């Protein structure tokens, strides 16, 4: 009998959990959440200089506590309309951009203020980095390149919409460029229109999804 393949989803963010699990739909790989292992109130460290370093550090930290293969994500926020060295560039320290760890509402208002200082709207992109780790010595990463960021751009605005999504506060001030709609107010029709408007973005999303499935299959299948 073939042993069931499982992967631990290394996140304490309730909004990221279903997103990360979605990569494994139809693969036969079972996703295991922190709650399923009775893990509560665990904050993985983020001491890296880049999203990739943080993704590796997060995966290793979760691996130590879960003692199984891990899928982890870290992301840095880049304002495409500002120079890389602009003091308003948060980089990988998005939650700590104000000089301390912000809660959701503080983070929302901080970045609405950044947008306000620059005319009310800024093009932004999340530079995601993903890590699949079988052991701390056997892992692989996938990080969005600058080429991938432009078609993934969206608008950060200084005026929040009414909606809130726990764990992802910036979604309340994120506006989809093709439709002009707030992310939290987009309908299925809006999402389909936005997806159709950017074939290059769709290509990168497909590349990432294929990488996750292929890499997880390879690493989980190794002895």
C-alpha atoms as a PDB file:
ATOM      1  CA  UNK A   1       0.000   0.000   0.000  1.00  0.00           C
ATOM      2  CA  UNK A   2       1.386   3.400  -1.000  1.00  0.00           C
ATOM      3  CA  UNK A   3       2.130   5.676   1.935  1.00  0.00           C
ATOM      4  CA  UNK A   4      -0.019   8.791   1.998  1.00  0.00           C
ATOM      5  CA  UNK A   5       1.932  11.949   1.152  1.00  0.00           C
ATOM      6  CA  UNK A   6       1.432  14.872   3.512  1.00  0.00           C
ATOM      7  CA  UNK A   7       2.806  18.378   3.691  1.00  0.00           C
ATOM      8  CA  UNK A   8       2.578  20.779   6.591  1.00  0.00           C
ATOM      9  CA  UNK A   9       1.363  24.274   5.710  1.00  0.00           C
ATOM     10  CA  UNK A  10       3.700  26.586   7.604  1.00  0.00           C
ATOM     11  CA  UNK A  11       1.577  29.614   8.389  1.00  0.00           C
ATOM     12  CA  UNK A  12      -0.287  31.031  11.369  1.00  0.00           C
ATOM     13  CA  UNK A  13      -2.184  33.397   9.057  1.00  0.00           C
ATOM     14  CA  UNK A  14      -5.798  32.185   8.654  1.00  0.00           C
ATOM     15  CA  UNK A  15      -6.130  33.830   5.236  1.00  0.00           C
ATOM     16  CA  UNK A  16      -2.950  32.252   3.839  1.00  0.00           C
ATOM     17  CA  UNK A  17      -3.873  28.702   4.855  1.00  0.00           C
ATOM     18  CA  UNK A  18      -6.567  28.014   2.200  1.00  0.00           C
ATOM     19  CA  UNK A  19      -4.476  29.845  -0.417  1.00  0.00           C
ATOM     20  CA  UNK A  20      -1.426  27.644   0.201  1.00  0.00           C
ATOM     21  CA  UNK A  21      -3.525  24.480   0.440  1.00  0.00           C
ATOM     22  CA  UNK A  22      -5.061  25.300  -2.931  1.00  0.00           C
ATOM     23  CA  UNK A  23      -1.769  24.560  -4.700  1.00  0.00           C
ATOM     24  CA  UNK A  24      -2.226  20.874  -3.885  1.00  0.00           C
ATOM     25  CA  UNK A  25      -5.817  20.429  -5.060  1.00  0.00           C
ATOM     26  CA  UNK A  26      -6.062  17.238  -7.079  1.00  0.00           C
ATOM     27  CA  UNK A  27      -2.480  16.129  -6.362  1.00  0.00           C
ATOM     28  CA  UNK A  28      -3.216  13.476  -3.750  1.00  0.00           C
ATOM     29  CA  UNK A  29      -0.959  15.318  -1.295  1.00  0.00           C
ATOM     30  CA  UNK A  30      -2.744  15.991   1.987  1.00  0.00           C
ATOM     31  CA  UNK A  31      -2.235  19.406   3.600  1.00  0.00           C
ATOM     32  CA  UNK A  32      -1.767  19.454   7.368  1.00  0.00           C
ATOM     33  CA  UNK A  33      -2.537  22.682   9.229  1.00  0.00           C
ATOM     34  CA  UNK A  34      -0.965  23.883  12.491  1.00  0.00           C
ATOM     35  CA  UNK A  35      -4.332  23.347  14.203  1.00  0.00           C
ATOM     36  CA  UNK A  36      -4.384  19.706  13.087  1.00  0.00           C
ATOM     37  CA  UNK A  37      -1.178  19.133  15.068  1.00  0.00           C
ATOM     38  CA  UNK A  38      -2.349  21.183  18.031  1.00  0.00           C
ATOM     39  CA  UNK A  39       0.146  23.977  17.310  1.00  0.00           C
ATOM     40  CA  UNK A  40      -1.075  27.314  18.639  1.00  0.00           C
ATOM     41  CA  UNK A  41       0.353  30.834  18.835  1.00  0.00           C
ATOM     42  CA  UNK A  42       3.591  30.049  17.013  1.00  0.00           C
ATOM     43  CA  UNK A  43       5.338  32.936  15.273  1.00  0.00           C
ATOM     44  CA  UNK A  44       8.031  31.858  12.828  1.00  0.00           C
ATOM     45  CA  UNK A  45      11.018  34.241  12.876  1.00  0.00           C
ATOM     46  CA  UNK A  46      11.664  36.605   9.953  1.00  0.00           C
ATOM     47  CA  UNK A  47      15.258  37.777  10.239  1.00  0.00           C
ATOM     48  CA  UNK A  48      16.255  37.490   6.585  1.00  0.00           C
ATOM     49  CA  UNK A  49      17.200  40.336   4.285  1.00  0.00           C
ATOM     50  CA  UNK A  50      15.084  38.976   1.440  1.00  0.00           C
ATOM     51  CA  UNK A  51      11.757  37.198   1.038  1.00  0.00           C
ATOM     52  CA  UNK A  52      13.627  34.038   0.003  1.00  0.00           C
ATOM     53  CA  UNK A  53      15.759  34.041   3.170  1.00  0.00           C
ATOM     54  CA  UNK A  54      12.630  34.541   5.269  1.00  0.00           C
ATOM     55  CA  UNK A  55      10.745  31.757   3.472  1.00  0.00           C
ATOM     56  CA  UNK A  56      13.605  29.340   4.200  1.00  0.00           C
ATOM     57  CA  UNK A  57      13.809  30.486   7.826  1.00  0.00           C
ATOM     58  CA  UNK A  58      10.059  30.105   8.267  1.00  0.00           C
ATOM     59  CA  UNK A  59      10.054  26.633   6.719  1.00  0.00           C
ATOM     60  CA  UNK A  60      12.932  25.500   8.958  1.00  0.00           C
ATOM     61  CA  UNK A  61      11.219  26.858  12.079  1.00  0.00           C
ATOM     62  CA  UNK A  62       7.940  25.148  11.248  1.00  0.00           C
ATOM     63  CA  UNK A  63       9.829  21.941  10.383  1.00  0.00           C
ATOM     64  CA  UNK A  64      11.393  21.884  13.852  1.00  0.00           C
ATOM     65  CA  UNK A  65       8.008  22.072  15.529  1.00  0.00           C
ATOM     66  CA  UNK A  66       5.939  19.975  13.079  1.00  0.00           C
ATOM     67  CA  UNK A  67       8.662  17.398  12.286  1.00  0.00           C
ATOM     68  CA  UNK A  68       7.409  16.866   8.740  1.00  0.00           C
ATOM     69  CA  UNK A  69       7.757  18.331   5.242  1.00  0.00           C
ATOM     70  CA  UNK A  70       6.737  21.999   5.078  1.00  0.00           C
ATOM     71  CA  UNK A  71       5.381  24.463   2.531  1.00  0.00           C
ATOM     72  CA  UNK A  72       5.999  28.085   3.573  1.00  0.00           C
ATOM     73  CA  UNK A  73       5.657  31.533   2.034  1.00  0.00           C
ATOM     74  CA  UNK A  74       7.134  34.935   2.668  1.00  0.00           C
ATOM     75  CA  UNK A  75       6.506  38.125   0.732  1.00  0.00           C
ATOM     76  CA  UNK A  76       8.055  41.546   0.485  1.00  0.00           C
ATOM     77  CA  UNK A  77       6.063  44.520  -0.764  1.00  0.00           C
ATOM     78  CA  UNK A  78       7.617  46.659  -3.477  1.00  0.00           C
ATOM     79  CA  UNK A  79       6.235  50.000  -4.637  1.00  0.00           C
ATOM     80  CA  UNK A  80       6.968  49.989  -8.356  1.00  0.00           C
ATOM     81  CA  UNK A  81       6.481  53.757  -8.608  1.00  0.00           C
ATOM     82  CA  UNK A  82       9.206  54.501  -6.019  1.00  0.00           C
ATOM     83  CA  UNK A  83      12.979  54.030  -6.184  1.00  0.00           C
ATOM     84  CA  UNK A  84      14.269  50.892  -4.462  1.00  0.00           C
ATOM     85  CA  UNK A  85      16.045  53.037  -1.862  1.00  0.00           C
ATOM     86  CA  UNK A  86      13.031  55.202  -1.020  1.00  0.00           C
ATOM     87  CA  UNK A  87      12.407  55.224   2.766  1.00  0.00           C
ATOM     88  CA  UNK A  88       8.766  54.288   2.139  1.00  0.00           C
ATOM     89  CA  UNK A  89       9.798  50.962   0.568  1.00  0.00           C
ATOM     90  CA  UNK A  90       8.879  48.341   3.225  1.00  0.00           C
ATOM     91  CA  UNK A  91      10.728  45.410   1.639  1.00  0.00           C
ATOM     92  CA  UNK A  92      10.329  42.218   3.654  1.00  0.00           C
ATOM     93  CA  UNK A  93       9.449  44.037   6.873  1.00  0.00           C
ATOM     94  CA  UNK A  94       5.875  44.862   5.914  1.00  0.00           C
ATOM     95  CA  UNK A  95       4.400  44.352   9.389  1.00  0.00           C
ATOM     96  CA  UNK A  96       7.281  46.295  10.939  1.00  0.00           C
ATOM     97  CA  UNK A  97       7.430  49.190   8.473  1.00  0.00           C
ATOM     98  CA  UNK A  98       6.344  51.611  11.207  1.00  0.00           C
ATOM     99  CA  UNK A  99       9.228  50.558  13.453  1.00  0.00           C
ATOM    100  CA  UNK A 100       7.196  48.071  15.476  1.00  0.00           C
ATOM    101  CA  UNK A 101       5.017  45.035  14.814  1.00  0.00           C
ATOM    102  CA  UNK A 102       1.643  46.354  13.638  1.00  0.00           C
ATOM    103  CA  UNK A 103      -1.750  44.719  14.006  1.00  0.00           C
ATOM    104  CA  UNK A 104      -4.047  44.513  10.980  1.00  0.00           C
ATOM    105  CA  UNK A 105      -5.723  47.894  11.409  1.00  0.00           C
ATOM    106  CA  UNK A 106      -2.466  49.697  12.179  1.00  0.00           C
ATOM    107  CA  UNK A 107      -0.890  48.169   9.085  1.00  0.00           C
ATOM    108  CA  UNK A 108      -3.859  49.179   6.938  1.00  0.00           C
ATOM    109  CA  UNK A 109      -3.710  52.798   8.078  1.00  0.00           C
ATOM    110  CA  UNK A 110       0.084  52.984   7.835  1.00  0.00           C
ATOM    111  CA  UNK A 111       0.145  51.995   4.171  1.00  0.00           C
ATOM    112  CA  UNK A 112      -2.895  54.130   3.355  1.00  0.00           C
ATOM    113  CA  UNK A 113      -0.784  56.973   4.744  1.00  0.00           C
ATOM    114  CA  UNK A 114       2.177  56.021   2.541  1.00  0.00           C
ATOM    115  CA  UNK A 115      -0.093  56.140  -0.514  1.00  0.00           C
ATOM    116  CA  UNK A 116      -1.462  59.501   0.626  1.00  0.00           C
ATOM    117  CA  UNK A 117       2.061  60.965   0.850  1.00  0.00           C
ATOM    118  CA  UNK A 118       2.619  60.011  -2.797  1.00  0.00           C
ATOM    119  CA  UNK A 119      -0.539  61.382  -4.354  1.00  0.00           C
ATOM    120  CA  UNK A 120      -3.091  58.866  -3.075  1.00  0.00           C
ATOM    121  CA  UNK A 121      -2.159  55.931  -5.327  1.00  0.00           C
ATOM    122  CA  UNK A 122       0.952  53.794  -5.802  1.00  0.00           C
ATOM    123  CA  UNK A 123       1.570  50.795  -8.030  1.00  0.00           C
ATOM    124  CA  UNK A 124       2.734  47.899  -5.887  1.00  0.00           C
ATOM    125  CA  UNK A 125       3.556  44.197  -6.190  1.00  0.00           C
ATOM    126  CA  UNK A 126       4.113  41.365  -3.740  1.00  0.00           C
ATOM    127  CA  UNK A 127       7.478  39.688  -4.267  1.00  0.00           C
ATOM    128  CA  UNK A 128       6.485  36.236  -3.071  1.00  0.00           C
ATOM    129  CA  UNK A 129       8.997  33.547  -2.208  1.00  0.00           C
ATOM    130  CA  UNK A 130       7.920  29.959  -1.592  1.00  0.00           C
ATOM    131  CA  UNK A 131       9.897  27.214   0.141  1.00  0.00           C
ATOM    132  CA  UNK A 132       9.194  23.495   0.081  1.00  0.00           C
ATOM    133  CA  UNK A 133      11.327  21.745   2.686  1.00  0.00           C
ATOM    134  CA  UNK A 134      11.644  18.007   3.295  1.00  0.00           C
ATOM    135  CA  UNK A 135      14.400  18.552   5.850  1.00  0.00           C
ATOM    136  CA  UNK A 136      16.475  21.644   6.704  1.00  0.00           C
ATOM    137  CA  UNK A 137      19.132  20.265   4.361  1.00  0.00           C
ATOM    138  CA  UNK A 138      16.744  19.415   1.516  1.00  0.00           C
ATOM    139  CA  UNK A 139      14.616  22.260   0.269  1.00  0.00           C
ATOM    140  CA  UNK A 140      13.864  24.308  -2.838  1.00  0.00           C
ATOM    141  CA  UNK A 141      12.591  27.836  -3.349  1.00  0.00           C
ATOM    142  CA  UNK A 142      10.684  29.809  -5.963  1.00  0.00           C
ATOM    143  CA  UNK A 143      10.865  33.613  -5.853  1.00  0.00           C
ATOM    144  CA  UNK A 144       9.079  36.099  -8.095  1.00  0.00           C
ATOM    145  CA  UNK A 145      11.567  37.924 -10.301  1.00  0.00           C
ATOM    146  CA  UNK A 146      11.313  41.598 -11.267  1.00  0.00           C
ATOM    147  CA  UNK A 147       9.958  40.433 -14.633  1.00  0.00           C
ATOM    148  CA  UNK A 148       7.082  38.734 -12.813  1.00  0.00           C
ATOM    149  CA  UNK A 149       6.285  41.779 -10.675  1.00  0.00           C
ATOM    150  CA  UNK A 150       5.149  44.203 -13.394  1.00  0.00           C
ATOM    151  CA  UNK A 151       2.210  42.084 -14.637  1.00  0.00           C
ATOM    152  CA  UNK A 152       1.310  41.345 -10.997  1.00  0.00           C
ATOM    153  CA  UNK A 153       1.085  45.049 -10.141  1.00  0.00           C
ATOM    154  CA  UNK A 154      -1.923  46.503  -8.355  1.00  0.00           C
ATOM    155  CA  UNK A 155      -2.775  49.848  -6.787  1.00  0.00           C
ATOM    156  CA  UNK A 156      -2.361  50.724  -3.110  1.00  0.00           C
ATOM    157  CA  UNK A 157      -4.761  53.581  -2.424  1.00  0.00           C
ATOM    158  CA  UNK A 158      -5.135  55.946   0.528  1.00  0.00           C
ATOM    159  CA  UNK A 159      -8.871  55.240   0.883  1.00  0.00           C
ATOM    160  CA  UNK A 160      -9.838  51.859   2.396  1.00  0.00           C
ATOM    161  CA  UNK A 161     -12.942  50.017   1.266  1.00  0.00           C
ATOM    162  CA  UNK A 162     -15.432  48.780   3.867  1.00  0.00           C
ATOM    163  CA  UNK A 163     -14.339  45.141   3.751  1.00  0.00           C
ATOM    164  CA  UNK A 164     -11.674  43.484   5.900  1.00  0.00           C
ATOM    165  CA  UNK A 165      -9.885  40.125   5.552  1.00  0.00           C
ATOM    166  CA  UNK A 166      -8.273  38.835   8.720  1.00  0.00           C
ATOM    167  CA  UNK A 167      -4.517  38.472   8.266  1.00  0.00           C
ATOM    168  CA  UNK A 168      -4.378  40.365   4.972  1.00  0.00           C
ATOM    169  CA  UNK A 169      -5.206  43.973   5.891  1.00  0.00           C
ATOM    170  CA  UNK A 170      -3.738  45.533   2.755  1.00  0.00           C
ATOM    171  CA  UNK A 171      -6.443  43.847   0.674  1.00  0.00           C
ATOM    172  CA  UNK A 172      -8.720  46.636   1.931  1.00  0.00           C
ATOM    173  CA  UNK A 173      -6.639  49.263   0.076  1.00  0.00           C
ATOM    174  CA  UNK A 174      -5.622  47.101  -2.899  1.00  0.00           C
ATOM    175  CA  UNK A 175      -7.212  47.907  -6.247  1.00  0.00           C
ATOM    176  CA  UNK A 176      -7.126  45.676  -9.317  1.00  0.00           C
ATOM    177  CA  UNK A 177      -5.719  47.613 -12.284  1.00  0.00           C
ATOM    178  CA  UNK A 178      -7.708  46.058 -15.188  1.00  0.00           C
ATOM    179  CA  UNK A 179     -11.101  46.475 -13.466  1.00  0.00           C
ATOM    180  CA  UNK A 180     -10.462  49.405 -11.123  1.00  0.00           C
ATOM    181  CA  UNK A 181     -12.183  47.453  -8.330  1.00  0.00           C
ATOM    182  CA  UNK A 182     -11.009  46.910  -4.762  1.00  0.00           C
ATOM    183  CA  UNK A 183      -9.838  43.317  -4.370  1.00  0.00           C
ATOM    184  CA  UNK A 184     -12.415  42.725  -1.633  1.00  0.00           C
ATOM    185  CA  UNK A 185     -15.241  44.031  -3.817  1.00  0.00           C
ATOM    186  CA  UNK A 186     -14.468  42.070  -6.984  1.00  0.00           C
ATOM    187  CA  UNK A 187     -17.109  39.674  -8.279  1.00  0.00           C
ATOM    188  CA  UNK A 188     -16.370  36.410 -10.062  1.00  0.00           C
ATOM    189  CA  UNK A 189     -17.041  38.246 -13.316  1.00  0.00           C
ATOM    190  CA  UNK A 190     -14.518  40.949 -12.353  1.00  0.00           C
ATOM    191  CA  UNK A 191     -11.884  38.314 -11.573  1.00  0.00           C
ATOM    192  CA  UNK A 192     -12.475  36.587 -14.892  1.00  0.00           C
ATOM    193  CA  UNK A 193     -12.153  39.925 -16.727  1.00  0.00           C
ATOM    194  CA  UNK A 194      -8.961  40.780 -14.847  1.00  0.00           C
ATOM    195  CA  UNK A 195      -7.473  37.362 -15.552  1.00  0.00           C
ATOM    196  CA  UNK A 196      -8.292  37.614 -19.242  1.00  0.00           C
ATOM    197  CA  UNK A 197      -6.713  41.075 -19.429  1.00  0.00           C
ATOM    198  CA  UNK A 198      -3.282  39.859 -18.379  1.00  0.00           C
ATOM    199  CA  UNK A 199      -2.103  36.732 -20.128  1.00  0.00           C
ATOM    200  CA  UNK A 200       1.484  37.264 -18.909  1.00  0.00           C
ATOM    201  CA  UNK A 201       0.359  37.217 -15.260  1.00  0.00           C
ATOM    202  CA  UNK A 202      -1.587  34.030 -15.920  1.00  0.00           C
ATOM    203  CA  UNK A 203       1.557  32.467 -17.394  1.00  0.00           C
ATOM    204  CA  UNK A 204       3.575  33.231 -14.244  1.00  0.00           C
ATOM    205  CA  UNK A 205       0.819  31.912 -11.959  1.00  0.00           C
ATOM    206  CA  UNK A 206       0.757  28.697 -13.995  1.00  0.00           C
ATOM    207  CA  UNK A 207       4.567  28.447 -13.754  1.00  0.00           C
ATOM    208  CA  UNK A 208       4.414  28.795  -9.964  1.00  0.00           C
ATOM    209  CA  UNK A 209       1.623  26.244  -9.602  1.00  0.00           C
ATOM    210  CA  UNK A 210       3.499  23.730 -11.745  1.00  0.00           C
ATOM    211  CA  UNK A 211       6.677  24.305  -9.720  1.00  0.00           C
ATOM    212  CA  UNK A 212       4.881  23.677  -6.415  1.00  0.00           C
ATOM    213  CA  UNK A 213       3.271  20.466  -7.612  1.00  0.00           C
ATOM    214  CA  UNK A 214       6.401  19.113  -9.291  1.00  0.00           C
ATOM    215  CA  UNK A 215       8.750  20.028  -6.456  1.00  0.00           C
ATOM    216  CA  UNK A 216       6.484  18.733  -3.687  1.00  0.00           C
ATOM    217  CA  UNK A 217       6.085  15.461  -5.574  1.00  0.00           C
ATOM    218  CA  UNK A 218       9.830  15.089  -5.999  1.00  0.00           C
ATOM    219  CA  UNK A 219      10.840  16.039  -2.449  1.00  0.00           C
ATOM    220  CA  UNK A 220       8.093  14.054  -0.736  1.00  0.00           C
ATOM    221  CA  UNK A 221       8.989  11.051  -2.877  1.00  0.00           C
ATOM    222  CA  UNK A 222      12.659  11.066  -1.871  1.00  0.00           C
ATOM    223  CA  UNK A 223      13.840   8.505   0.649  1.00  0.00           C
END
